[in-house]
Amino acid sequence: MLSLRPPCTLSPAPWPRRRTLHGAAGTPQRVSAAAPSAIVEAVSPPARLSFPILVNGCTGKMGLSVAEAATSSGLHLVPISFSSRDMLDRTVRVGHTDVRIYGPSAREDVLSSVIDEFPDVVVVDYTAPDSVNANAELYCKLGLPFVMGTTGGDRQLLYKSVQDSNNYALISPQMGKQVVAFLAAMEIMAEQFPGAFSGYHLEVLESHQAGKLDISGTAKAVIACFEKLGVSYDMNRMVKIRDPEQQLEMVGVPEEHIEGHAFHLYHLTSPDDSVSFEFQHNVCGRSIYAEGSVDAAMFLHRKVRSNDSKRIYDMIDVLREGSMRPYRTF
């Protein structure tokens, strides 16, 4: 049965046992690879920014984490957010800021007033898959630059909405800094070595907290790379774990992170079963995504201020520009 190993625990491998590389004296040899120069550049970190940021989705754990990361980074948190339901007289406390929650019927009027008061505001969206397209269309209608961290929705329509409006947006299925680098490396491999894994069989397992309704956008992106590498894969075969008991016993998620984790496992086997490759990335908690979302907002703010000719970006653009700040906890 497919299983995942927790990120900081040594345990038996889920598939045929890995072999350790040894030197002549029997000492383990470290295998490393230099980061592709097209992705990681020696760029000095950008100067500290302070601008208004509106986090849409503060009633959810991810949105709240982003709001907390934004305030700890010195950004001005606009004390407004939205809910998928009309909820009157509700506020969410973020640091020293009381964020007022508005229902969907008030979105356009409230956002218009936000633009009047904070003309250089950037929106970060962590709502729900069924809100992605309606929210994006409204941001584009009002000319609000936005970071779309919410996965799901009609992605083609999402991009079309931005293109037709000529609005600024950063859209990415993954906001975690190190996972973005992994995705970038996968895309480079797929581009430079198409068909390298032709004939291989792919198995995919992903585990997220029960509240995540859609399939992992990161898993979809990695699978797309494997398909370019020659692997045929049916998305219906993906093992999607949302049951807490399975996550504890089968996947190996630490109990304290059942309500917030992202574990992914990709296993490739050659046609004759003589060769196998395994790619795995496990994330506990939400800080990696919150910090990356703030980096994305800062990046987009700079692009808007410079009137950049490009209008749609992703997290690989942020990574290429060296705009990732050091990892922090908060």
C-alpha atoms as a PDB file:
ATOM      1  CA  MET A   1       0.000   0.000   0.000  1.00  0.00           C
ATOM      2  CA  LEU A   2       1.205   3.519  -0.743  1.00  0.00           C
ATOM      3  CA  SER A   3       2.548   5.364   2.260  1.00  0.00           C
ATOM      4  CA  LEU A   4       4.472   8.502   3.049  1.00  0.00           C
ATOM      5  CA  ARG A   5       7.240   9.162   5.519  1.00  0.00           C
ATOM      6  CA  PRO A   6       6.995  12.176   7.844  1.00  0.00           C
ATOM      7  CA  PRO A   7       9.554  14.883   7.017  1.00  0.00           C
ATOM      8  CA  CYS A   8      11.749  14.564  10.105  1.00  0.00           C
ATOM      9  CA  THR A   9      11.377  10.859  10.924  1.00  0.00           C
ATOM     10  CA  LEU A  10      13.412   7.927   9.658  1.00  0.00           C
ATOM     11  CA  SER A  11      11.234   4.960   8.757  1.00  0.00           C
ATOM     12  CA  PRO A  12      11.190   2.124   6.208  1.00  0.00           C
ATOM     13  CA  ALA A  13      10.703   3.225   2.612  1.00  0.00           C
ATOM     14  CA  PRO A  14       7.194   2.716   1.216  1.00  0.00           C
ATOM     15  CA  TRP A  15       8.477   0.881  -1.892  1.00  0.00           C
ATOM     16  CA  PRO A  16      11.494  -1.400  -2.530  1.00  0.00           C
ATOM     17  CA  ARG A  17      14.276  -0.536  -0.109  1.00  0.00           C
ATOM     18  CA  ARG A  18      16.595   2.268  -1.167  1.00  0.00           C
ATOM     19  CA  ARG A  19      20.264   1.427  -1.553  1.00  0.00           C
ATOM     20  CA  THR A  20      22.853   3.699   0.071  1.00  0.00           C
ATOM     21  CA  LEU A  21      25.793   4.748  -2.074  1.00  0.00           C
ATOM     22  CA  HIS A  22      29.098   3.807  -0.433  1.00  0.00           C
ATOM     23  CA  GLY A  23      32.665   4.683  -1.221  1.00  0.00           C
ATOM     24  CA  ALA A  24      35.583   2.304  -1.218  1.00  0.00           C
ATOM     25  CA  ALA A  25      35.876   2.455   2.562  1.00  0.00           C
ATOM     26  CA  GLY A  26      32.161   1.876   3.046  1.00  0.00           C
ATOM     27  CA  THR A  27      31.372   5.463   4.038  1.00  0.00           C
ATOM     28  CA  PRO A  28      28.176   6.992   2.649  1.00  0.00           C
ATOM     29  CA  GLN A  29      28.756   9.324  -0.272  1.00  0.00           C
ATOM     30  CA  ARG A  30      26.685  12.501  -0.610  1.00  0.00           C
ATOM     31  CA  VAL A  31      25.177  13.046  -4.042  1.00  0.00           C
ATOM     32  CA  SER A  32      24.334  16.643  -4.870  1.00  0.00           C
ATOM     33  CA  ALA A  33      23.440  18.728  -7.874  1.00  0.00           C
ATOM     34  CA  ALA A  34      23.968  22.401  -8.504  1.00  0.00           C
ATOM     35  CA  ALA A  35      20.805  24.476  -8.867  1.00  0.00           C
ATOM     36  CA  PRO A  36      20.058  25.430 -12.488  1.00  0.00           C
ATOM     37  CA  SER A  37      21.445  28.880 -13.181  1.00  0.00           C
ATOM     38  CA  ALA A  38      18.243  29.738 -15.051  1.00  0.00           C
ATOM     39  CA  ILE A  39      16.343  29.503 -11.790  1.00  0.00           C
ATOM     40  CA  VAL A  40      18.567  30.628  -8.931  1.00  0.00           C
ATOM     41  CA  GLU A  41      20.607  33.775  -9.351  1.00  0.00           C
ATOM     42  CA  ALA A  42      22.814  35.635  -6.927  1.00  0.00           C
ATOM     43  CA  VAL A  43      20.568  38.617  -6.433  1.00  0.00           C
ATOM     44  CA  SER A  44      20.603  40.823  -3.376  1.00  0.00           C
ATOM     45  CA  PRO A  45      17.357  40.696  -1.404  1.00  0.00           C
ATOM     46  CA  PRO A  46      14.969  43.529  -2.251  1.00  0.00           C
ATOM     47  CA  ALA A  47      14.610  46.495   0.031  1.00  0.00           C
ATOM     48  CA  ARG A  48      11.958  46.249   2.722  1.00  0.00           C
ATOM     49  CA  LEU A  49       8.557  47.284   1.429  1.00  0.00           C
ATOM     50  CA  SER A  50       5.480  48.615   3.141  1.00  0.00           C
ATOM     51  CA  PHE A  51       2.217  48.805   1.227  1.00  0.00           C
ATOM     52  CA  PRO A  52      -1.454  47.915   1.827  1.00  0.00           C
ATOM     53  CA  ILE A  53      -2.393  44.270   1.487  1.00  0.00           C
ATOM     54  CA  LEU A  54      -5.929  42.893   1.615  1.00  0.00           C
ATOM     55  CA  VAL A  55      -6.197  39.183   2.429  1.00  0.00           C
ATOM     56  CA  ASN A  56      -9.462  37.770   1.145  1.00  0.00           C
ATOM     57  CA  GLY A  57     -10.237  34.677   3.194  1.00  0.00           C
ATOM     58  CA  CYS A  58      -9.254  35.634   6.739  1.00  0.00           C
ATOM     59  CA  THR A  59     -12.023  33.397   8.085  1.00  0.00           C
ATOM     60  CA  GLY A  60      -9.985  30.386   6.925  1.00  0.00           C
ATOM     61  CA  LYS A  61      -6.772  29.080   8.463  1.00  0.00           C
ATOM     62  CA  MET A  62      -4.673  29.713   5.365  1.00  0.00           C
ATOM     63  CA  GLY A  63      -5.925  33.257   4.881  1.00  0.00           C
ATOM     64  CA  LEU A  64      -5.376  33.997   8.553  1.00  0.00           C
ATOM     65  CA  SER A  65      -1.804  32.676   8.343  1.00  0.00           C
ATOM     66  CA  VAL A  66      -1.104  34.951   5.364  1.00  0.00           C
ATOM     67  CA  ALA A  67      -2.537  37.962   7.194  1.00  0.00           C
ATOM     68  CA  GLU A  68      -0.308  37.234  10.199  1.00  0.00           C
ATOM     69  CA  ALA A  69       2.750  36.838   7.963  1.00  0.00           C
ATOM     70  CA  ALA A  70       1.938  40.115   6.195  1.00  0.00           C
ATOM     71  CA  THR A  71       1.754  42.109   9.419  1.00  0.00           C
ATOM     72  CA  SER A  72       4.942  40.550  10.783  1.00  0.00           C
ATOM     73  CA  SER A  73       6.663  41.526   7.517  1.00  0.00           C
ATOM     74  CA  GLY A  74       5.779  45.187   7.984  1.00  0.00           C
ATOM     75  CA  LEU A  75       2.961  45.391   5.440  1.00  0.00           C
ATOM     76  CA  HIS A  76      -0.174  47.386   6.163  1.00  0.00           C
ATOM     77  CA  LEU A  77      -3.052  44.928   6.558  1.00  0.00           C
ATOM     78  CA  VAL A  78      -6.287  46.415   5.246  1.00  0.00           C
ATOM     79  CA  PRO A  79      -8.871  45.647   7.966  1.00  0.00           C
ATOM     80  CA  ILE A  80     -11.328  44.093   5.505  1.00  0.00           C
ATOM     81  CA  SER A  81     -11.952  40.568   4.248  1.00  0.00           C
ATOM     82  CA  PHE A  82     -14.824  38.599   2.751  1.00  0.00           C
ATOM     83  CA  SER A  83     -16.767  35.456   3.487  1.00  0.00           C
ATOM     84  CA  SER A  84     -18.671  33.162   1.148  1.00  0.00           C
ATOM     85  CA  ARG A  85     -21.747  33.815   3.289  1.00  0.00           C
ATOM     86  CA  ASP A  86     -23.293  37.037   4.493  1.00  0.00           C
ATOM     87  CA  MET A  87     -22.014  37.354   8.056  1.00  0.00           C
ATOM     88  CA  LEU A  88     -22.851  40.593   9.780  1.00  0.00           C
ATOM     89  CA  ASP A  89     -20.912  42.167  12.651  1.00  0.00           C
ATOM     90  CA  ARG A  90     -18.049  39.705  12.627  1.00  0.00           C
ATOM     91  CA  THR A  91     -14.372  40.558  13.003  1.00  0.00           C
ATOM     92  CA  VAL A  92     -11.168  38.512  13.059  1.00  0.00           C
ATOM     93  CA  ARG A  93      -8.259  39.655  15.191  1.00  0.00           C
ATOM     94  CA  VAL A  94      -4.885  39.658  13.393  1.00  0.00           C
ATOM     95  CA  GLY A  95      -2.122  41.029  15.592  1.00  0.00           C
ATOM     96  CA  HIS A  96      -3.331  44.463  16.625  1.00  0.00           C
ATOM     97  CA  THR A  97      -5.809  44.728  13.729  1.00  0.00           C
ATOM     98  CA  ASP A  98      -9.510  43.892  13.802  1.00  0.00           C
ATOM     99  CA  VAL A  99     -10.424  42.678  10.316  1.00  0.00           C
ATOM    100  CA  ARG A 100     -14.091  43.219   9.450  1.00  0.00           C
ATOM    101  CA  ILE A 101     -15.704  40.351   7.548  1.00  0.00           C
ATOM    102  CA  TYR A 102     -18.203  41.201   4.804  1.00  0.00           C
ATOM    103  CA  GLY A 103     -20.530  38.886   2.908  1.00  0.00           C
ATOM    104  CA  PRO A 104     -20.398  38.369  -0.874  1.00  0.00           C
ATOM    105  CA  SER A 105     -23.210  40.828  -1.601  1.00  0.00           C
ATOM    106  CA  ALA A 106     -21.052  43.708  -0.331  1.00  0.00           C
ATOM    107  CA  ARG A 107     -17.857  42.794  -2.185  1.00  0.00           C
ATOM    108  CA  GLU A 108     -17.922  45.264  -5.046  1.00  0.00           C
ATOM    109  CA  ASP A 109     -18.994  48.306  -3.011  1.00  0.00           C
ATOM    110  CA  VAL A 110     -16.503  47.589  -0.237  1.00  0.00           C
ATOM    111  CA  LEU A 111     -13.615  46.902  -2.627  1.00  0.00           C
ATOM    112  CA  SER A 112     -14.353  50.124  -4.514  1.00  0.00           C
ATOM    113  CA  SER A 113     -14.043  52.065  -1.265  1.00  0.00           C
ATOM    114  CA  VAL A 114     -10.794  50.224  -0.469  1.00  0.00           C
ATOM    115  CA  ILE A 115      -9.332  51.345  -3.799  1.00  0.00           C
ATOM    116  CA  ASP A 116     -10.260  54.944  -3.024  1.00  0.00           C
ATOM    117  CA  GLU A 117      -8.492  54.802   0.334  1.00  0.00           C
ATOM    118  CA  PHE A 118      -5.609  52.492  -0.651  1.00  0.00           C
ATOM    119  CA  PRO A 119      -4.930  52.980  -4.384  1.00  0.00           C
ATOM    120  CA  ASP A 120      -1.774  50.815  -4.306  1.00  0.00           C
ATOM    121  CA  VAL A 121      -3.393  47.862  -2.499  1.00  0.00           C
ATOM    122  CA  VAL A 122      -2.591  44.260  -3.489  1.00  0.00           C
ATOM    123  CA  VAL A 123      -5.147  41.498  -2.833  1.00  0.00           C
ATOM    124  CA  VAL A 124      -4.171  37.986  -1.771  1.00  0.00           C
ATOM    125  CA  ASP A 125      -6.953  35.440  -2.306  1.00  0.00           C
ATOM    126  CA  TYR A 126      -7.328  32.331  -0.132  1.00  0.00           C
ATOM    127  CA  THR A 127     -11.030  31.626  -0.375  1.00  0.00           C
ATOM    128  CA  ALA A 128     -12.643  28.505  -1.902  1.00  0.00           C
ATOM    129  CA  PRO A 129     -12.397  26.776  -5.301  1.00  0.00           C
ATOM    130  CA  ASP A 130     -15.938  27.789  -6.280  1.00  0.00           C
ATOM    131  CA  SER A 131     -15.114  31.458  -5.618  1.00  0.00           C
ATOM    132  CA  VAL A 132     -11.947  31.646  -7.729  1.00  0.00           C
ATOM    133  CA  ASN A 133     -13.467  32.841 -11.003  1.00  0.00           C
ATOM    134  CA  ALA A 134     -16.058  35.228  -9.560  1.00  0.00           C
ATOM    135  CA  ASN A 135     -13.432  36.840  -7.327  1.00  0.00           C
ATOM    136  CA  ALA A 136     -10.912  37.127 -10.143  1.00  0.00           C
ATOM    137  CA  GLU A 137     -13.459  38.724 -12.467  1.00  0.00           C
ATOM    138  CA  LEU A 138     -14.269  41.306  -9.802  1.00  0.00           C
ATOM    139  CA  TYR A 139     -10.588  42.082  -9.138  1.00  0.00           C
ATOM    140  CA  CYS A 140     -10.066  42.520 -12.881  1.00  0.00           C
ATOM    141  CA  LYS A 141     -13.166  44.698 -13.249  1.00  0.00           C
ATOM    142  CA  LEU A 142     -11.888  47.018 -10.520  1.00  0.00           C
ATOM    143  CA  GLY A 143      -8.255  46.899 -11.666  1.00  0.00           C
ATOM    144  CA  LEU A 144      -7.046  45.330  -8.409  1.00  0.00           C
ATOM    145  CA  PRO A 145      -3.726  43.480  -8.713  1.00  0.00           C
ATOM    146  CA  PHE A 146      -4.091  40.129  -6.998  1.00  0.00           C
ATOM    147  CA  VAL A 147      -2.262  37.009  -5.917  1.00  0.00           C
ATOM    148  CA  MET A 148      -4.429  33.925  -6.440  1.00  0.00           C
ATOM    149  CA  GLY A 149      -3.376  31.362  -3.865  1.00  0.00           C
ATOM    150  CA  THR A 150      -6.703  29.522  -4.003  1.00  0.00           C
ATOM    151  CA  THR A 151      -6.556  26.366  -6.093  1.00  0.00           C
ATOM    152  CA  GLY A 152      -9.382  24.994  -8.198  1.00  0.00           C
ATOM    153  CA  GLY A 153     -11.913  26.813 -10.295  1.00  0.00           C
ATOM    154  CA  ASP A 154     -11.728  27.106 -14.078  1.00  0.00           C
ATOM    155  CA  ARG A 155      -8.049  27.958 -14.565  1.00  0.00           C
ATOM    156  CA  GLN A 156      -8.348  28.723 -18.280  1.00  0.00           C
ATOM    157  CA  LEU A 157     -11.122  31.188 -17.535  1.00  0.00           C
ATOM    158  CA  LEU A 158      -9.030  32.643 -14.730  1.00  0.00           C
ATOM    159  CA  TYR A 159      -6.144  33.428 -17.063  1.00  0.00           C
ATOM    160  CA  LYS A 160      -8.504  34.718 -19.744  1.00  0.00           C
ATOM    161  CA  SER A 161     -10.130  37.123 -17.276  1.00  0.00           C
ATOM    162  CA  VAL A 162      -6.741  38.635 -16.446  1.00  0.00           C
ATOM    163  CA  GLN A 163      -5.607  38.778 -20.062  1.00  0.00           C
ATOM    164  CA  ASP A 164      -8.801  40.450 -21.268  1.00  0.00           C
ATOM    165  CA  SER A 165      -8.681  43.066 -18.524  1.00  0.00           C
ATOM    166  CA  ASN A 166      -4.926  43.723 -18.769  1.00  0.00           C
ATOM    167  CA  ASN A 167      -4.830  43.513 -14.991  1.00  0.00           C
ATOM    168  CA  TYR A 168      -1.809  42.428 -12.932  1.00  0.00           C
ATOM    169  CA  ALA A 169      -1.994  39.019 -11.288  1.00  0.00           C
ATOM    170  CA  LEU A 170       0.240  36.332  -9.855  1.00  0.00           C
ATOM    171  CA  ILE A 171      -1.318  32.883 -10.167  1.00  0.00           C
ATOM    172  CA  SER A 172       0.280  29.751  -8.785  1.00  0.00           C
ATOM    173  CA  PRO A 173      -0.963  26.384  -7.526  1.00  0.00           C
ATOM    174  CA  GLN A 174       1.900  26.368  -5.025  1.00  0.00           C
ATOM    175  CA  MET A 175       3.190  29.201  -2.824  1.00  0.00           C
ATOM    176  CA  GLY A 176       5.782  27.273  -0.794  1.00  0.00           C
ATOM    177  CA  LYS A 177       9.257  28.589  -1.600  1.00  0.00           C
ATOM    178  CA  GLN A 178      11.219  25.355  -1.630  1.00  0.00           C
ATOM    179  CA  VAL A 179       8.422  23.422  -3.324  1.00  0.00           C
ATOM    180  CA  VAL A 180       8.380  26.084  -6.040  1.00  0.00           C
ATOM    181  CA  ALA A 181      12.083  25.460  -6.629  1.00  0.00           C
ATOM    182  CA  PHE A 182      11.367  21.729  -6.941  1.00  0.00           C
ATOM    183  CA  LEU A 183       8.591  22.433  -9.438  1.00  0.00           C
ATOM    184  CA  ALA A 184      10.909  24.694 -11.417  1.00  0.00           C
ATOM    185  CA  ALA A 185      13.535  21.949 -11.575  1.00  0.00           C
ATOM    186  CA  MET A 186      10.872  19.498 -12.755  1.00  0.00           C
ATOM    187  CA  GLU A 187       9.799  21.888 -15.511  1.00  0.00           C
ATOM    188  CA  ILE A 188      13.398  22.335 -16.667  1.00  0.00           C
ATOM    189  CA  MET A 189      13.877  18.556 -16.773  1.00  0.00           C
ATOM    190  CA  ALA A 190      10.639  18.117 -18.722  1.00  0.00           C
ATOM    191  CA  GLU A 191      11.612  20.819 -21.203  1.00  0.00           C
ATOM    192  CA  GLN A 192      15.181  19.644 -21.767  1.00  0.00           C
ATOM    193  CA  PHE A 193      14.646  15.881 -21.668  1.00  0.00           C
ATOM    194  CA  PRO A 194      11.217  15.160 -23.200  1.00  0.00           C
ATOM    195  CA  GLY A 195      10.344  11.482 -23.243  1.00  0.00           C
ATOM    196  CA  ALA A 196      13.093  10.518 -20.794  1.00  0.00           C
ATOM    197  CA  PHE A 197      10.654   8.394 -18.763  1.00  0.00           C
ATOM    198  CA  SER A 198       8.671   6.939 -21.669  1.00  0.00           C
ATOM    199  CA  GLY A 199       7.048   3.678 -20.710  1.00  0.00           C
ATOM    200  CA  TYR A 200       7.451   4.194 -16.966  1.00  0.00           C
ATOM    201  CA  HIS A 201       4.518   3.590 -14.629  1.00  0.00           C
ATOM    202  CA  LEU A 202       3.615   6.451 -12.271  1.00  0.00           C
ATOM    203  CA  GLU A 203       1.912   6.177  -8.890  1.00  0.00           C
ATOM    204  CA  VAL A 204       0.883   9.338  -7.015  1.00  0.00           C
ATOM    205  CA  LEU A 205      -0.330   9.827  -3.469  1.00  0.00           C
ATOM    206  CA  GLU A 206      -1.253  13.170  -1.934  1.00  0.00           C
ATOM    207  CA  SER A 207      -2.539  13.898   1.560  1.00  0.00           C
ATOM    208  CA  HIS A 208      -4.014  17.163   2.827  1.00  0.00           C
ATOM    209  CA  GLN A 209      -6.244  18.221   5.689  1.00  0.00           C
ATOM    210  CA  ALA A 210      -9.880  17.172   5.348  1.00  0.00           C
ATOM    211  CA  GLY A 211     -10.949  20.763   4.585  1.00  0.00           C
ATOM    212  CA  LYS A 212      -9.108  20.787   1.247  1.00  0.00           C
ATOM    213  CA  LEU A 213     -11.840  19.896  -1.222  1.00  0.00           C
ATOM    214  CA  ASP A 214      -9.957  19.743  -4.515  1.00  0.00           C
ATOM    215  CA  ILE A 215      -7.036  17.668  -5.771  1.00  0.00           C
ATOM    216  CA  SER A 216      -3.633  19.152  -5.027  1.00  0.00           C
ATOM    217  CA  GLY A 217      -2.669  21.740  -7.636  1.00  0.00           C
ATOM    218  CA  THR A 218       0.977  20.932  -6.943  1.00  0.00           C
ATOM    219  CA  ALA A 219       0.410  17.267  -7.739  1.00  0.00           C
ATOM    220  CA  LYS A 220      -1.276  18.246 -11.005  1.00  0.00           C
ATOM    221  CA  ALA A 221       1.698  20.443 -11.950  1.00  0.00           C
ATOM    222  CA  VAL A 222       4.232  17.700 -11.195  1.00  0.00           C
ATOM    223  CA  ILE A 223       2.186  15.122 -13.102  1.00  0.00           C
ATOM    224  CA  ALA A 224       2.076  17.482 -16.105  1.00  0.00           C
ATOM    225  CA  CYS A 225       5.892  17.500 -16.056  1.00  0.00           C
ATOM    226  CA  PHE A 226       6.028  13.704 -15.928  1.00  0.00           C
ATOM    227  CA  GLU A 227       3.640  13.562 -18.877  1.00  0.00           C
ATOM    228  CA  LYS A 228       6.052  15.741 -20.871  1.00  0.00           C
ATOM    229  CA  LEU A 229       8.756  13.283 -19.842  1.00  0.00           C
ATOM    230  CA  GLY A 230       6.791  10.528 -21.555  1.00  0.00           C
ATOM    231  CA  VAL A 231       4.685   9.102 -18.719  1.00  0.00           C
ATOM    232  CA  SER A 232       1.018   8.352 -19.344  1.00  0.00           C
ATOM    233  CA  TYR A 233      -1.155   9.034 -16.298  1.00  0.00           C
ATOM    234  CA  ASP A 234      -4.869   8.997 -15.528  1.00  0.00           C
ATOM    235  CA  MET A 235      -5.779  11.528 -12.812  1.00  0.00           C
ATOM    236  CA  ASN A 236      -8.506   9.176 -11.587  1.00  0.00           C
ATOM    237  CA  ARG A 237      -5.770   6.836 -10.346  1.00  0.00           C
ATOM    238  CA  MET A 238      -4.365   9.376  -7.913  1.00  0.00           C
ATOM    239  CA  VAL A 239      -4.607   8.319  -4.278  1.00  0.00           C
ATOM    240  CA  LYS A 240      -6.118  11.282  -2.438  1.00  0.00           C
ATOM    241  CA  ILE A 241      -6.077  10.950   1.362  1.00  0.00           C
ATOM    242  CA  ARG A 242      -8.351  13.124   3.486  1.00  0.00           C
ATOM    243  CA  ASP A 243      -9.241  10.715   6.306  1.00  0.00           C
ATOM    244  CA  PRO A 244      -7.341  11.564   9.548  1.00  0.00           C
ATOM    245  CA  GLU A 245      -6.944   7.916  10.600  1.00  0.00           C
ATOM    246  CA  GLN A 246      -5.393   6.994   7.256  1.00  0.00           C
ATOM    247  CA  GLN A 247      -3.171  10.064   7.441  1.00  0.00           C
ATOM    248  CA  LEU A 248      -1.853   8.985  10.842  1.00  0.00           C
ATOM    249  CA  GLU A 249      -1.459   5.270  10.162  1.00  0.00           C
ATOM    250  CA  MET A 250      -0.848   4.991   6.429  1.00  0.00           C
ATOM    251  CA  VAL A 251       0.733   8.318   5.488  1.00  0.00           C
ATOM    252  CA  GLY A 252       2.635   9.077   8.687  1.00  0.00           C
ATOM    253  CA  VAL A 253       1.446  12.646   9.238  1.00  0.00           C
ATOM    254  CA  PRO A 254       2.324  13.880  12.753  1.00  0.00           C
ATOM    255  CA  GLU A 255      -0.852  14.110  14.792  1.00  0.00           C
ATOM    256  CA  GLU A 256      -0.374  17.801  15.565  1.00  0.00           C
ATOM    257  CA  HIS A 257      -0.412  18.580  11.822  1.00  0.00           C
ATOM    258  CA  ILE A 258      -3.451  16.579  10.737  1.00  0.00           C
ATOM    259  CA  GLU A 259      -5.360  19.851  10.348  1.00  0.00           C
ATOM    260  CA  GLY A 260      -2.642  21.486   8.255  1.00  0.00           C
ATOM    261  CA  HIS A 261      -0.256  19.498   6.043  1.00  0.00           C
ATOM    262  CA  ALA A 262       0.612  18.681   2.429  1.00  0.00           C
ATOM    263  CA  PHE A 263       2.327  15.362   1.738  1.00  0.00           C
ATOM    264  CA  HIS A 264       3.113  14.253  -1.821  1.00  0.00           C
ATOM    265  CA  LEU A 265       4.704  11.091  -3.176  1.00  0.00           C
ATOM    266  CA  TYR A 266       5.478  10.280  -6.830  1.00  0.00           C
ATOM    267  CA  HIS A 267       6.844   6.826  -7.645  1.00  0.00           C
ATOM    268  CA  LEU A 268       8.052   5.808 -11.104  1.00  0.00           C
ATOM    269  CA  THR A 269       8.774   2.219 -12.155  1.00  0.00           C
ATOM    270  CA  SER A 270      10.351   1.010 -15.387  1.00  0.00           C
ATOM    271  CA  PRO A 271       8.357  -1.344 -17.647  1.00  0.00           C
ATOM    272  CA  ASP A 272      10.311  -4.390 -16.411  1.00  0.00           C
ATOM    273  CA  ASP A 273      10.249  -3.268 -12.743  1.00  0.00           C
ATOM    274  CA  SER A 274      14.045  -3.224 -12.627  1.00  0.00           C
ATOM    275  CA  VAL A 275      14.366   0.551 -12.063  1.00  0.00           C
ATOM    276  CA  SER A 276      12.435   2.907  -9.822  1.00  0.00           C
ATOM    277  CA  PHE A 277      12.545   6.623  -9.020  1.00  0.00           C
ATOM    278  CA  GLU A 278      10.843   8.364  -6.128  1.00  0.00           C
ATOM    279  CA  PHE A 279      10.105  12.041  -5.527  1.00  0.00           C
ATOM    280  CA  GLN A 280       8.646  13.145  -2.202  1.00  0.00           C
ATOM    281  CA  HIS A 281       7.923  16.463  -0.517  1.00  0.00           C
ATOM    282  CA  ASN A 282       6.149  16.773   2.828  1.00  0.00           C
ATOM    283  CA  VAL A 283       5.024  19.992   4.472  1.00  0.00           C
ATOM    284  CA  CYS A 284       3.685  20.360   8.006  1.00  0.00           C
ATOM    285  CA  GLY A 285       1.838  23.545   8.900  1.00  0.00           C
ATOM    286  CA  ARG A 286       1.106  26.595   6.761  1.00  0.00           C
ATOM    287  CA  SER A 287       4.002  28.991   7.364  1.00  0.00           C
ATOM    288  CA  ILE A 288       5.825  28.006   4.162  1.00  0.00           C
ATOM    289  CA  TYR A 289       2.788  29.038   2.082  1.00  0.00           C
ATOM    290  CA  ALA A 290       2.064  32.172   4.110  1.00  0.00           C
ATOM    291  CA  GLU A 291       5.620  33.470   3.738  1.00  0.00           C
ATOM    292  CA  GLY A 292       5.638  32.639   0.040  1.00  0.00           C
ATOM    293  CA  SER A 293       2.328  34.461  -0.452  1.00  0.00           C
ATOM    294  CA  VAL A 294       3.777  37.589   1.139  1.00  0.00           C
ATOM    295  CA  ASP A 295       6.819  37.301  -1.149  1.00  0.00           C
ATOM    296  CA  ALA A 296       4.422  37.044  -4.092  1.00  0.00           C
ATOM    297  CA  ALA A 297       2.507  40.157  -3.017  1.00  0.00           C
ATOM    298  CA  MET A 298       5.748  42.118  -2.641  1.00  0.00           C
ATOM    299  CA  PHE A 299       6.916  40.973  -6.075  1.00  0.00           C
ATOM    300  CA  LEU A 300       3.607  41.926  -7.685  1.00  0.00           C
ATOM    301  CA  HIS A 301       3.593  45.318  -5.958  1.00  0.00           C
ATOM    302  CA  ARG A 302       6.997  46.106  -7.476  1.00  0.00           C
ATOM    303  CA  LYS A 303       5.820  45.047 -10.941  1.00  0.00           C
ATOM    304  CA  VAL A 304       2.746  47.287 -10.719  1.00  0.00           C
ATOM    305  CA  ARG A 305       4.833  50.255  -9.562  1.00  0.00           C
ATOM    306  CA  SER A 306       7.302  49.764 -12.429  1.00  0.00           C
ATOM    307  CA  ASN A 307       4.434  49.429 -14.951  1.00  0.00           C
ATOM    308  CA  ASP A 308       5.966  46.202 -16.180  1.00  0.00           C
ATOM    309  CA  SER A 309       4.790  45.089 -19.612  1.00  0.00           C
ATOM    310  CA  LYS A 310       4.138  41.550 -18.435  1.00  0.00           C
ATOM    311  CA  ARG A 311       0.866  41.215 -16.533  1.00  0.00           C
ATOM    312  CA  ILE A 312       0.519  37.569 -15.443  1.00  0.00           C
ATOM    313  CA  TYR A 313       3.190  35.937 -13.268  1.00  0.00           C
ATOM    314  CA  ASP A 314       3.730  32.816 -11.225  1.00  0.00           C
ATOM    315  CA  MET A 315       5.970  31.870  -8.324  1.00  0.00           C
ATOM    316  CA  ILE A 316       8.747  30.760 -10.654  1.00  0.00           C
ATOM    317  CA  ASP A 317       8.966  34.381 -11.821  1.00  0.00           C
ATOM    318  CA  VAL A 318       9.413  35.378  -8.176  1.00  0.00           C
ATOM    319  CA  LEU A 319      12.108  32.759  -7.715  1.00  0.00           C
ATOM    320  CA  ARG A 320      13.992  33.756 -10.875  1.00  0.00           C
ATOM    321  CA  GLU A 321      14.122  37.349  -9.730  1.00  0.00           C
ATOM    322  CA  GLY A 322      15.623  36.378  -6.389  1.00  0.00           C
ATOM    323  CA  SER A 323      12.649  37.864  -4.557  1.00  0.00           C
ATOM    324  CA  MET A 324      12.337  35.129  -1.944  1.00  0.00           C
ATOM    325  CA  ARG A 325      13.108  36.358   1.561  1.00  0.00           C
ATOM    326  CA  PRO A 326      14.835  34.046   4.060  1.00  0.00           C
ATOM    327  CA  TYR A 327      12.556  31.467   5.692  1.00  0.00           C
ATOM    328  CA  ARG A 328      11.071  32.746   8.934  1.00  0.00           C
ATOM    329  CA  THR A 329       8.747  31.441  11.588  1.00  0.00           C
ATOM    330  CA  PHE A 330       6.070  33.618  13.168  1.00  0.00           C
END
